[in-house]
């Protein structure tokens, strides 16, 4: 588990969403890249890829209290997550399950 900055946390969550169907598409990377500094993206992507599924969830859970202070923070991140989920034009049942899990975790 890593202690993340706010931008790293956002990037990590967005990558989690993009990888929900085990395939991060070009459209999803573009959607994330439009919001994130390229250096932050590369650094966090490498961490994300090195972590297993359990470590990813633990990292999000461990860092959420630092960055999700109120309902507005949560809704803002959920909005960004939706943009990533819909970036490739597909929102299948696996992605829906991950989305609802993320909403509960956050």
PDB file of N, CA and C in Angstrom:
ATOM      1  N   UNK A   1       0.835  -1.183   0.000  1.00  0.00           N
ATOM      2  CA  UNK A   1       0.000   0.000   0.000  1.00  0.00           C
ATOM      3  C   UNK A   1       0.882   1.250   0.000  1.00  0.00           C
ATOM      4  N   UNK A   2       0.450   2.239  -0.738  1.00  0.00           N
ATOM      5  CA  UNK A   2       1.213   3.479  -0.858  1.00  0.00           C
ATOM      6  C   UNK A   2       0.433   4.645  -0.259  1.00  0.00           C
ATOM      7  N   UNK A   3       1.178   5.602   0.270  1.00  0.00           N
ATOM      8  CA  UNK A   3       0.584   6.874   0.673  1.00  0.00           C
ATOM      9  C   UNK A   3       0.700   7.796  -0.531  1.00  0.00           C
ATOM     10  N   UNK A   4      -0.435   8.259  -1.018  1.00  0.00           N
ATOM     11  CA  UNK A   4      -0.476   9.023  -2.251  1.00  0.00           C
ATOM     12  C   UNK A   4      -0.783  10.493  -2.009  1.00  0.00           C
ATOM     13  N   UNK A   5      -0.365  11.327  -2.961  1.00  0.00           N
ATOM     14  CA  UNK A   5      -0.804  12.718  -2.969  1.00  0.00           C
ATOM     15  C   UNK A   5      -2.221  12.741  -3.549  1.00  0.00           C
ATOM     16  N   UNK A   6      -2.864  13.887  -3.506  1.00  0.00           N
ATOM     17  CA  UNK A   6      -4.223  13.984  -4.042  1.00  0.00           C
ATOM     18  C   UNK A   6      -4.267  13.639  -5.528  1.00  0.00           C
ATOM     19  N   UNK A   7      -3.357  14.186  -6.319  1.00  0.00           N
ATOM     20  CA  UNK A   7      -3.339  13.884  -7.754  1.00  0.00           C
ATOM     21  C   UNK A   7      -3.008  12.420  -8.020  1.00  0.00           C
ATOM     22  N   UNK A   8      -2.103  11.854  -7.235  1.00  0.00           N
ATOM     23  CA  UNK A   8      -1.780  10.436  -7.382  1.00  0.00           C
ATOM     24  C   UNK A   8      -2.993   9.572  -7.036  1.00  0.00           C
ATOM     25  N   UNK A   9      -3.725   9.958  -5.992  1.00  0.00           N
ATOM     26  CA  UNK A   9      -4.932   9.226  -5.606  1.00  0.00           C
ATOM     27  C   UNK A   9      -5.965   9.248  -6.727  1.00  0.00           C
ATOM     28  N   UNK A  10      -6.216  10.433  -7.284  1.00  0.00           N
ATOM     29  CA  UNK A  10      -7.160  10.555  -8.402  1.00  0.00           C
ATOM     30  C   UNK A  10      -6.727   9.671  -9.564  1.00  0.00           C
ATOM     31  N   UNK A  11      -5.449   9.750  -9.909  1.00  0.00           N
ATOM     32  CA  UNK A  11      -4.923   8.968 -11.021  1.00  0.00           C
ATOM     33  C   UNK A  11      -5.089   7.476 -10.750  1.00  0.00           C
ATOM     34  N   UNK A  12      -4.771   7.052  -9.550  1.00  0.00           N
ATOM     35  CA  UNK A  12      -4.875   5.644  -9.175  1.00  0.00           C
ATOM     36  C   UNK A  12      -6.327   5.171  -9.299  1.00  0.00           C
ATOM     37  N   UNK A  13      -7.267   5.959  -8.808  1.00  0.00           N
ATOM     38  CA  UNK A  13      -8.697   5.614  -8.904  1.00  0.00           C
ATOM     39  C   UNK A  13      -9.141   5.553 -10.355  1.00  0.00           C
ATOM     40  N   UNK A  14      -8.715   6.502 -11.158  1.00  0.00           N
ATOM     41  CA  UNK A  14      -9.092   6.517 -12.568  1.00  0.00           C
ATOM     42  C   UNK A  14      -8.507   5.317 -13.310  1.00  0.00           C
ATOM     43  N   UNK A  15      -7.291   4.935 -12.973  1.00  0.00           N
ATOM     44  CA  UNK A  15      -6.702   3.736 -13.572  1.00  0.00           C
ATOM     45  C   UNK A  15      -7.457   2.481 -13.137  1.00  0.00           C
ATOM     46  N   UNK A  16      -7.893   2.461 -11.888  1.00  0.00           N
ATOM     47  CA  UNK A  16      -8.679   1.327 -11.397  1.00  0.00           C
ATOM     48  C   UNK A  16      -9.951   1.192 -12.232  1.00  0.00           C
ATOM     49  N   UNK A  17     -10.588   2.313 -12.513  1.00  0.00           N
ATOM     50  CA  UNK A  17     -11.793   2.304 -13.342  1.00  0.00           C
ATOM     51  C   UNK A  17     -11.470   1.837 -14.761  1.00  0.00           C
ATOM     52  N   UNK A  18     -10.409   2.357 -15.331  1.00  0.00           N
ATOM     53  CA  UNK A  18     -10.040   1.998 -16.701  1.00  0.00           C
ATOM     54  C   UNK A  18      -9.716   0.513 -16.832  1.00  0.00           C
ATOM     55  N   UNK A  19      -9.175  -0.061 -15.791  1.00  0.00           N
ATOM     56  CA  UNK A  19      -8.757  -1.465 -15.813  1.00  0.00           C
ATOM     57  C   UNK A  19      -9.863  -2.420 -15.358  1.00  0.00           C
ATOM     58  N   UNK A  20     -11.050  -1.916 -15.116  1.00  0.00           N
ATOM     59  CA  UNK A  20     -12.146  -2.746 -14.586  1.00  0.00           C
ATOM     60  C   UNK A  20     -12.429  -3.960 -15.463  1.00  0.00           C
ATOM     61  N   UNK A  21     -12.318  -3.785 -16.774  1.00  0.00           N
ATOM     62  CA  UNK A  21     -12.573  -4.900 -17.696  1.00  0.00           C
ATOM     63  C   UNK A  21     -11.266  -5.568 -18.135  1.00  0.00           C
ATOM     64  N   UNK A  22     -10.189  -5.298 -17.394  1.00  0.00           N
ATOM     65  CA  UNK A  22      -8.859  -5.885 -17.621  1.00  0.00           C
ATOM     66  C   UNK A  22      -8.238  -5.467 -18.946  1.00  0.00           C
ATOM     67  N   UNK A  23      -8.689  -4.314 -19.458  1.00  0.00           N
ATOM     68  CA  UNK A  23      -8.168  -3.802 -20.718  1.00  0.00           C
ATOM     69  C   UNK A  23      -8.247  -2.282 -20.709  1.00  0.00           C
ATOM     70  N   UNK A  24      -7.127  -1.631 -20.458  1.00  0.00           N
ATOM     71  CA  UNK A  24      -7.091  -0.175 -20.485  1.00  0.00           C
ATOM     72  C   UNK A  24      -6.940   0.254 -21.942  1.00  0.00           C
ATOM     73  N   UNK A  25      -7.996   0.887 -22.467  1.00  0.00           N
ATOM     74  CA  UNK A  25      -8.009   1.262 -23.882  1.00  0.00           C
ATOM     75  C   UNK A  25      -7.325   2.612 -24.110  1.00  0.00           C
ATOM     76  N   UNK A  26      -7.031   2.865 -25.362  1.00  0.00           N
ATOM     77  CA  UNK A  26      -6.437   4.142 -25.752  1.00  0.00           C
ATOM     78  C   UNK A  26      -7.357   5.301 -25.350  1.00  0.00           C
ATOM     79  N   UNK A  27      -8.664   5.122 -25.545  1.00  0.00           N
ATOM     80  CA  UNK A  27      -9.628   6.167 -25.206  1.00  0.00           C
ATOM     81  C   UNK A  27      -9.620   6.446 -23.700  1.00  0.00           C
ATOM     82  N   UNK A  28      -9.486   5.404 -22.895  1.00  0.00           N
ATOM     83  CA  UNK A  28      -9.444   5.579 -21.441  1.00  0.00           C
ATOM     84  C   UNK A  28      -8.165   6.302 -21.012  1.00  0.00           C
ATOM     85  N   UNK A  29      -7.056   5.960 -21.637  1.00  0.00           N
ATOM     86  CA  UNK A  29      -5.792   6.648 -21.327  1.00  0.00           C
ATOM     87  C   UNK A  29      -5.895   8.123 -21.711  1.00  0.00           C
ATOM     88  N   UNK A  30      -6.504   8.414 -22.846  1.00  0.00           N
ATOM     89  CA  UNK A  30      -6.681   9.808 -23.264  1.00  0.00           C
ATOM     90  C   UNK A  30      -7.570  10.548 -22.273  1.00  0.00           C
ATOM     91  N   UNK A  31      -8.650   9.900 -21.828  1.00  0.00           N
ATOM     92  CA  UNK A  31      -9.560  10.521 -20.851  1.00  0.00           C
ATOM     93  C   UNK A  31      -8.838  10.826 -19.549  1.00  0.00           C
ATOM     94  N   UNK A  32      -8.003   9.919 -19.101  1.00  0.00           N
ATOM     95  CA  UNK A  32      -7.240  10.144 -17.864  1.00  0.00           C
ATOM     96  C   UNK A  32      -6.166  11.193 -18.110  1.00  0.00           C
ATOM     97  N   UNK A  33      -5.454  11.053 -19.211  1.00  0.00           N
ATOM     98  CA  UNK A  33      -4.357  11.963 -19.526  1.00  0.00           C
ATOM     99  C   UNK A  33      -4.782  13.410 -19.650  1.00  0.00           C
ATOM    100  N   UNK A  34      -6.037  13.642 -20.020  1.00  0.00           N
ATOM    101  CA  UNK A  34      -6.545  15.004 -20.137  1.00  0.00           C
ATOM    102  C   UNK A  34      -6.663  15.680 -18.777  1.00  0.00           C
ATOM    103  N   UNK A  35      -6.680  14.904 -17.710  1.00  0.00           N
ATOM    104  CA  UNK A  35      -6.881  15.434 -16.363  1.00  0.00           C
ATOM    105  C   UNK A  35      -5.619  15.402 -15.501  1.00  0.00           C
ATOM    106  N   UNK A  36      -4.606  14.667 -15.941  1.00  0.00           N
ATOM    107  CA  UNK A  36      -3.463  14.357 -15.087  1.00  0.00           C
ATOM    108  C   UNK A  36      -2.162  14.789 -15.747  1.00  0.00           C
ATOM    109  N   UNK A  37      -1.249  15.289 -14.954  1.00  0.00           N
ATOM    110  CA  UNK A  37       0.095  15.618 -15.421  1.00  0.00           C
ATOM    111  C   UNK A  37       0.751  14.347 -15.973  1.00  0.00           C
ATOM    112  N   UNK A  38       1.390  14.420 -17.150  1.00  0.00           N
ATOM    113  CA  UNK A  38       1.978  13.217 -17.759  1.00  0.00           C
ATOM    114  C   UNK A  38       2.989  12.493 -16.863  1.00  0.00           C
ATOM    115  N   UNK A  39       3.812  13.236 -16.138  1.00  0.00           N
ATOM    116  CA  UNK A  39       4.786  12.589 -15.251  1.00  0.00           C
ATOM    117  C   UNK A  39       4.087  11.849 -14.120  1.00  0.00           C
ATOM    118  N   UNK A  40       3.056  12.466 -13.545  1.00  0.00           N
ATOM    119  CA  UNK A  40       2.276  11.797 -12.502  1.00  0.00           C
ATOM    120  C   UNK A  40       1.629  10.540 -13.055  1.00  0.00           C
ATOM    121  N   UNK A  41       1.081  10.657 -14.261  1.00  0.00           N
ATOM    122  CA  UNK A  41       0.417   9.504 -14.869  1.00  0.00           C
ATOM    123  C   UNK A  41       1.377   8.329 -15.003  1.00  0.00           C
ATOM    124  N   UNK A  42       2.539   8.555 -15.562  1.00  0.00           N
ATOM    125  CA  UNK A  42       3.505   7.466 -15.780  1.00  0.00           C
ATOM    126  C   UNK A  42       3.926   6.844 -14.451  1.00  0.00           C
ATOM    127  N   UNK A  43       4.233   7.669 -13.474  1.00  0.00           N
ATOM    128  CA  UNK A  43       4.657   7.167 -12.163  1.00  0.00           C
ATOM    129  C   UNK A  43       3.560   6.312 -11.523  1.00  0.00           C
ATOM    130  N   UNK A  44       2.341   6.844 -11.504  1.00  0.00           N
ATOM    131  CA  UNK A  44       1.231   6.127 -10.872  1.00  0.00           C
ATOM    132  C   UNK A  44       0.860   4.882 -11.679  1.00  0.00           C
ATOM    133  N   UNK A  45       0.908   4.970 -12.986  1.00  0.00           N
ATOM    134  CA  UNK A  45       0.621   3.800 -13.824  1.00  0.00           C
ATOM    135  C   UNK A  45       1.579   2.658 -13.493  1.00  0.00           C
ATOM    136  N   UNK A  46       2.844   2.969 -13.325  1.00  0.00           N
ATOM    137  CA  UNK A  46       3.830   1.932 -12.979  1.00  0.00           C
ATOM    138  C   UNK A  46       3.529   1.316 -11.613  1.00  0.00           C
ATOM    139  N   UNK A  47       3.146   2.135 -10.639  1.00  0.00           N
ATOM    140  CA  UNK A  47       2.750   1.596  -9.326  1.00  0.00           C
ATOM    141  C   UNK A  47       1.531   0.703  -9.477  1.00  0.00           C
ATOM    142  N   UNK A  48       0.540   1.211 -10.204  1.00  0.00           N
ATOM    143  CA  UNK A  48      -0.717   0.496 -10.393  1.00  0.00           C
ATOM    144  C   UNK A  48      -0.459  -0.874 -11.017  1.00  0.00           C
ATOM    145  N   UNK A  49       0.345  -0.913 -12.044  1.00  0.00           N
ATOM    146  CA  UNK A  49       0.646  -2.170 -12.728  1.00  0.00           C
ATOM    147  C   UNK A  49       1.409  -3.144 -11.818  1.00  0.00           C
ATOM    148  N   UNK A  50       2.204  -2.630 -10.906  1.00  0.00           N
ATOM    149  CA  UNK A  50       2.971  -3.493 -10.003  1.00  0.00           C
ATOM    150  C   UNK A  50       2.107  -4.084  -8.890  1.00  0.00           C
ATOM    151  N   UNK A  51       0.974  -3.458  -8.597  1.00  0.00           N
ATOM    152  CA  UNK A  51       0.090  -3.908  -7.518  1.00  0.00           C
ATOM    153  C   UNK A  51      -0.878  -4.969  -8.017  1.00  0.00           C
ATOM    154  N   UNK A  52      -1.241  -5.895  -7.104  1.00  0.00           N
ATOM    155  CA  UNK A  52      -2.292  -6.849  -7.451  1.00  0.00           C
ATOM    156  C   UNK A  52      -3.648  -6.237  -7.091  1.00  0.00           C
ATOM    157  N   UNK A  53      -4.720  -6.943  -7.407  1.00  0.00           N
ATOM    158  CA  UNK A  53      -6.066  -6.400  -7.186  1.00  0.00           C
ATOM    159  C   UNK A  53      -6.316  -6.026  -5.729  1.00  0.00           C
ATOM    160  N   UNK A  54      -5.903  -6.870  -4.810  1.00  0.00           N
ATOM    161  CA  UNK A  54      -6.120  -6.600  -3.392  1.00  0.00           C
ATOM    162  C   UNK A  54      -5.338  -5.362  -2.950  1.00  0.00           C
ATOM    163  N   UNK A  55      -4.098  -5.239  -3.388  1.00  0.00           N
ATOM    164  CA  UNK A  55      -3.290  -4.068  -3.042  1.00  0.00           C
ATOM    165  C   UNK A  55      -3.910  -2.790  -3.605  1.00  0.00           C
ATOM    166  N   UNK A  56      -4.514  -2.888  -4.774  1.00  0.00           N
ATOM    167  CA  UNK A  56      -5.152  -1.722  -5.383  1.00  0.00           C
ATOM    168  C   UNK A  56      -6.327  -1.245  -4.535  1.00  0.00           C
ATOM    169  N   UNK A  57      -7.175  -2.164  -4.132  1.00  0.00           N
ATOM    170  CA  UNK A  57      -8.322  -1.804  -3.292  1.00  0.00           C
ATOM    171  C   UNK A  57      -7.841  -1.256  -1.952  1.00  0.00           C
ATOM    172  N   UNK A  58      -6.844  -1.898  -1.356  1.00  0.00           N
ATOM    173  CA  UNK A  58      -6.299  -1.427  -0.075  1.00  0.00           C
ATOM    174  C   UNK A  58      -5.712  -0.029  -0.196  1.00  0.00           C
ATOM    175  N   UNK A  59      -5.042   0.246  -1.295  1.00  0.00           N
ATOM    176  CA  UNK A  59      -4.461   1.574  -1.512  1.00  0.00           C
ATOM    177  C   UNK A  59      -5.562   2.627  -1.594  1.00  0.00           C
ATOM    178  N   UNK A  60      -6.616   2.333  -2.317  1.00  0.00           N
ATOM    179  CA  UNK A  60      -7.733   3.280  -2.422  1.00  0.00           C
ATOM    180  C   UNK A  60      -8.386   3.482  -1.059  1.00  0.00           C
ATOM    181  N   UNK A  61      -8.649   2.397  -0.356  1.00  0.00           N
ATOM    182  CA  UNK A  61      -9.284   2.509   0.963  1.00  0.00           C
ATOM    183  C   UNK A  61      -8.409   3.277   1.949  1.00  0.00           C
ATOM    184  N   UNK A  62      -7.119   3.021   1.928  1.00  0.00           N
ATOM    185  CA  UNK A  62      -6.209   3.658   2.882  1.00  0.00           C
ATOM    186  C   UNK A  62      -6.049   5.155   2.635  1.00  0.00           C
ATOM    187  N   UNK A  63      -6.195   5.579   1.395  1.00  0.00           N
ATOM    188  CA  UNK A  63      -5.974   6.984   1.058  1.00  0.00           C
ATOM    189  C   UNK A  63      -7.250   7.810   0.957  1.00  0.00           C
ATOM    190  N   UNK A  64      -8.399   7.168   0.884  1.00  0.00           N
ATOM    191  CA  UNK A  64      -9.643   7.900   0.640  1.00  0.00           C
ATOM    192  C   UNK A  64      -9.971   8.912   1.726  1.00  0.00           C
ATOM    193  N   UNK A  65      -9.722   8.582   2.983  1.00  0.00           N
ATOM    194  CA  UNK A  65     -10.098   9.505   4.060  1.00  0.00           C
ATOM    195  C   UNK A  65      -9.294  10.804   4.005  1.00  0.00           C
ATOM    196  N   UNK A  66      -8.129  10.729   3.430  1.00  0.00           N
ATOM    197  CA  UNK A  66      -7.300  11.922   3.311  1.00  0.00           C
ATOM    198  C   UNK A  66      -7.826  12.871   2.227  1.00  0.00           C
ATOM    199  N   UNK A  67      -8.479  12.315   1.193  1.00  0.00           N
ATOM    200  CA  UNK A  67      -8.859  13.130   0.041  1.00  0.00           C
ATOM    201  C   UNK A  67     -10.359  13.235  -0.202  1.00  0.00           C
ATOM    202  N   UNK A  68     -11.127  12.346   0.371  1.00  0.00           N
ATOM    203  CA  UNK A  68     -12.586  12.406   0.251  1.00  0.00           C
ATOM    204  C   UNK A  68     -13.113  12.888   1.596  1.00  0.00           C
ATOM    205  N   UNK A  69     -13.225  14.186   1.716  1.00  0.00           N
ATOM    206  CA  UNK A  69     -13.596  14.811   2.994  1.00  0.00           C
ATOM    207  C   UNK A  69     -15.098  15.011   3.148  1.00  0.00           C
ATOM    208  N   UNK A  70     -15.810  15.077   2.014  1.00  0.00           N
ATOM    209  CA  UNK A  70     -17.243  15.352   2.075  1.00  0.00           C
ATOM    210  C   UNK A  70     -17.913  14.798   0.817  1.00  0.00           C
ATOM    211  N   UNK A  71     -19.218  14.953   0.762  1.00  0.00           N
ATOM    212  CA  UNK A  71     -19.987  14.424  -0.371  1.00  0.00           C
ATOM    213  C   UNK A  71     -19.583  15.085  -1.688  1.00  0.00           C
ATOM    214  N   UNK A  72     -19.228  16.354  -1.640  1.00  0.00           N
ATOM    215  CA  UNK A  72     -18.804  17.054  -2.859  1.00  0.00           C
ATOM    216  C   UNK A  72     -17.534  16.439  -3.433  1.00  0.00           C
ATOM    217  N   UNK A  73     -16.559  16.133  -2.572  1.00  0.00           N
ATOM    218  CA  UNK A  73     -15.328  15.476  -3.023  1.00  0.00           C
ATOM    219  C   UNK A  73     -15.642  14.130  -3.661  1.00  0.00           C
ATOM    220  N   UNK A  74     -16.512  13.374  -3.009  1.00  0.00           N
ATOM    221  CA  UNK A  74     -16.879  12.041  -3.500  1.00  0.00           C
ATOM    222  C   UNK A  74     -17.563  12.140  -4.861  1.00  0.00           C
ATOM    223  N   UNK A  75     -18.525  13.047  -4.990  1.00  0.00           N
ATOM    224  CA  UNK A  75     -19.265  13.182  -6.245  1.00  0.00           C
ATOM    225  C   UNK A  75     -18.363  13.671  -7.378  1.00  0.00           C
ATOM    226  N   UNK A  76     -17.421  14.522  -7.063  1.00  0.00           N
ATOM    227  CA  UNK A  76     -16.483  15.007  -8.074  1.00  0.00           C
ATOM    228  C   UNK A  76     -15.645  13.853  -8.632  1.00  0.00           C
ATOM    229  N   UNK A  77     -15.150  12.991  -7.745  1.00  0.00           N
ATOM    230  CA  UNK A  77     -14.360  11.846  -8.188  1.00  0.00           C
ATOM    231  C   UNK A  77     -15.238  10.845  -8.939  1.00  0.00           C
ATOM    232  N   UNK A  78     -16.444  10.621  -8.472  1.00  0.00           N
ATOM    233  CA  UNK A  78     -17.356   9.700  -9.155  1.00  0.00           C
ATOM    234  C   UNK A  78     -17.644  10.195 -10.574  1.00  0.00           C
ATOM    235  N   UNK A  79     -17.795  11.496 -10.738  1.00  0.00           N
ATOM    236  CA  UNK A  79     -18.017  12.064 -12.069  1.00  0.00           C
ATOM    237  C   UNK A  79     -16.831  11.753 -12.988  1.00  0.00           C
ATOM    238  N   UNK A  80     -15.619  11.916 -12.471  1.00  0.00           N
ATOM    239  CA  UNK A  80     -14.428  11.604 -13.262  1.00  0.00           C
ATOM    240  C   UNK A  80     -14.357  10.115 -13.584  1.00  0.00           C
ATOM    241  N   UNK A  81     -14.729   9.279 -12.617  1.00  0.00           N
ATOM    242  CA  UNK A  81     -14.732   7.836 -12.853  1.00  0.00           C
ATOM    243  C   UNK A  81     -15.703   7.473 -13.970  1.00  0.00           C
ATOM    244  N   UNK A  82     -16.874   8.084 -13.969  1.00  0.00           N
ATOM    245  CA  UNK A  82     -17.872   7.828 -15.019  1.00  0.00           C
ATOM    246  C   UNK A  82     -17.303   8.185 -16.387  1.00  0.00           C
ATOM    247  N   UNK A  83     -16.597   9.296 -16.471  1.00  0.00           N
ATOM    248  CA  UNK A  83     -16.015   9.712 -17.742  1.00  0.00           C
ATOM    249  C   UNK A  83     -15.046   8.661 -18.271  1.00  0.00           C
ATOM    250  N   UNK A  84     -14.274   8.065 -17.371  1.00  0.00           N
ATOM    251  CA  UNK A  84     -13.329   7.024 -17.781  1.00  0.00           C
ATOM    252  C   UNK A  84     -14.086   5.755 -18.183  1.00  0.00           C
ATOM    253  N   UNK A  85     -15.074   5.368 -17.386  1.00  0.00           N
ATOM    254  CA  UNK A  85     -15.848   4.172 -17.724  1.00  0.00           C
ATOM    255  C   UNK A  85     -16.499   4.279 -19.105  1.00  0.00           C
ATOM    256  N   UNK A  86     -16.963   5.458 -19.476  1.00  0.00           N
ATOM    257  CA  UNK A  86     -17.659   5.639 -20.745  1.00  0.00           C
ATOM    258  C   UNK A  86     -16.732   6.080 -21.884  1.00  0.00           C
ATOM    259  N   UNK A  87     -15.449   6.271 -21.608  1.00  0.00           N
ATOM    260  CA  UNK A  87     -14.523   6.792 -22.614  1.00  0.00           C
ATOM    261  C   UNK A  87     -14.421   5.910 -23.852  1.00  0.00           C
ATOM    262  N   UNK A  88     -14.489   4.606 -23.669  1.00  0.00           N
ATOM    263  CA  UNK A  88     -14.360   3.707 -24.813  1.00  0.00           C
ATOM    264  C   UNK A  88     -15.707   3.311 -25.411  1.00  0.00           C
ATOM    265  N   UNK A  89     -16.787   3.915 -24.920  1.00  0.00           N
ATOM    266  CA  UNK A  89     -18.110   3.656 -25.460  1.00  0.00           C
ATOM    267  C   UNK A  89     -18.756   2.371 -24.968  1.00  0.00           C
ATOM    268  N   UNK A  90     -18.099   1.678 -24.045  1.00  0.00           N
ATOM    269  CA  UNK A  90     -18.620   0.417 -23.516  1.00  0.00           C
ATOM    270  C   UNK A  90     -18.696   0.517 -22.003  1.00  0.00           C
ATOM    271  N   UNK A  91     -19.831   0.080 -21.448  1.00  0.00           N
ATOM    272  CA  UNK A  91     -20.002   0.032 -19.990  1.00  0.00           C
ATOM    273  C   UNK A  91     -20.677  -1.297 -19.675  1.00  0.00           C
ATOM    274  N   UNK A  92     -19.864  -2.364 -19.697  1.00  0.00           N
ATOM    275  CA  UNK A  92     -20.409  -3.713 -19.555  1.00  0.00           C
ATOM    276  C   UNK A  92     -20.675  -4.067 -18.097  1.00  0.00           C
ATOM    277  N   UNK A  93     -21.155  -5.271 -17.865  1.00  0.00           N
ATOM    278  CA  UNK A  93     -21.560  -5.680 -16.517  1.00  0.00           C
ATOM    279  C   UNK A  93     -20.384  -5.716 -15.544  1.00  0.00           C
ATOM    280  N   UNK A  94     -19.205  -6.087 -16.012  1.00  0.00           N
ATOM    281  CA  UNK A  94     -18.021  -6.091 -15.129  1.00  0.00           C
ATOM    282  C   UNK A  94     -17.690  -4.668 -14.710  1.00  0.00           C
ATOM    283  N   UNK A  95     -17.704  -3.745 -15.658  1.00  0.00           N
ATOM    284  CA  UNK A  95     -17.416  -2.342 -15.345  1.00  0.00           C
ATOM    285  C   UNK A  95     -18.473  -1.772 -14.402  1.00  0.00           C
ATOM    286  N   UNK A  96     -19.719  -2.131 -14.617  1.00  0.00           N
ATOM    287  CA  UNK A  96     -20.783  -1.667 -13.722  1.00  0.00           C
ATOM    288  C   UNK A  96     -20.543  -2.167 -12.295  1.00  0.00           C
ATOM    289  N   UNK A  97     -20.155  -3.412 -12.159  1.00  0.00           N
ATOM    290  CA  UNK A  97     -19.883  -3.972 -10.835  1.00  0.00           C
ATOM    291  C   UNK A  97     -18.741  -3.227 -10.148  1.00  0.00           C
ATOM    292  N   UNK A  98     -17.680  -2.970 -10.886  1.00  0.00           N
ATOM    293  CA  UNK A  98     -16.533  -2.246 -10.325  1.00  0.00           C
ATOM    294  C   UNK A  98     -16.935  -0.819  -9.968  1.00  0.00           C
ATOM    295  N   UNK A  99     -17.743  -0.191 -10.818  1.00  0.00           N
ATOM    296  CA  UNK A  99     -18.195   1.169 -10.540  1.00  0.00           C
ATOM    297  C   UNK A  99     -18.979   1.225  -9.227  1.00  0.00           C
ATOM    298  N   UNK A 100     -19.915   0.306  -9.035  1.00  0.00           N
ATOM    299  CA  UNK A 100     -20.708   0.304  -7.810  1.00  0.00           C
ATOM    300  C   UNK A 100     -19.847  -0.029  -6.593  1.00  0.00           C
ATOM    301  N   UNK A 101     -18.862  -0.905  -6.767  1.00  0.00           N
ATOM    302  CA  UNK A 101     -17.937  -1.213  -5.677  1.00  0.00           C
ATOM    303  C   UNK A 101     -17.131   0.025  -5.303  1.00  0.00           C
ATOM    304  N   UNK A 102     -16.639   0.750  -6.313  1.00  0.00           N
ATOM    305  CA  UNK A 102     -15.876   1.963  -6.051  1.00  0.00           C
ATOM    306  C   UNK A 102     -16.714   3.020  -5.337  1.00  0.00           C
ATOM    307  N   UNK A 103     -17.963   3.149  -5.748  1.00  0.00           N
ATOM    308  CA  UNK A 103     -18.846   4.110  -5.073  1.00  0.00           C
ATOM    309  C   UNK A 103     -18.995   3.774  -3.582  1.00  0.00           C
ATOM    310  N   UNK A 104     -19.084   2.500  -3.276  1.00  0.00           N
ATOM    311  CA  UNK A 104     -19.194   2.079  -1.874  1.00  0.00           C
ATOM    312  C   UNK A 104     -17.888   2.291  -1.115  1.00  0.00           C
ATOM    313  N   UNK A 105     -16.775   1.985  -1.762  1.00  0.00           N
ATOM    314  CA  UNK A 105     -15.463   2.137  -1.120  1.00  0.00           C
ATOM    315  C   UNK A 105     -15.173   3.613  -0.831  1.00  0.00           C
ATOM    316  N   UNK A 106     -15.560   4.480  -1.752  1.00  0.00           N
ATOM    317  CA  UNK A 106     -15.289   5.906  -1.578  1.00  0.00           C
ATOM    318  C   UNK A 106     -16.250   6.480  -0.577  1.00  0.00           C
TER     319      UNK A 106
END
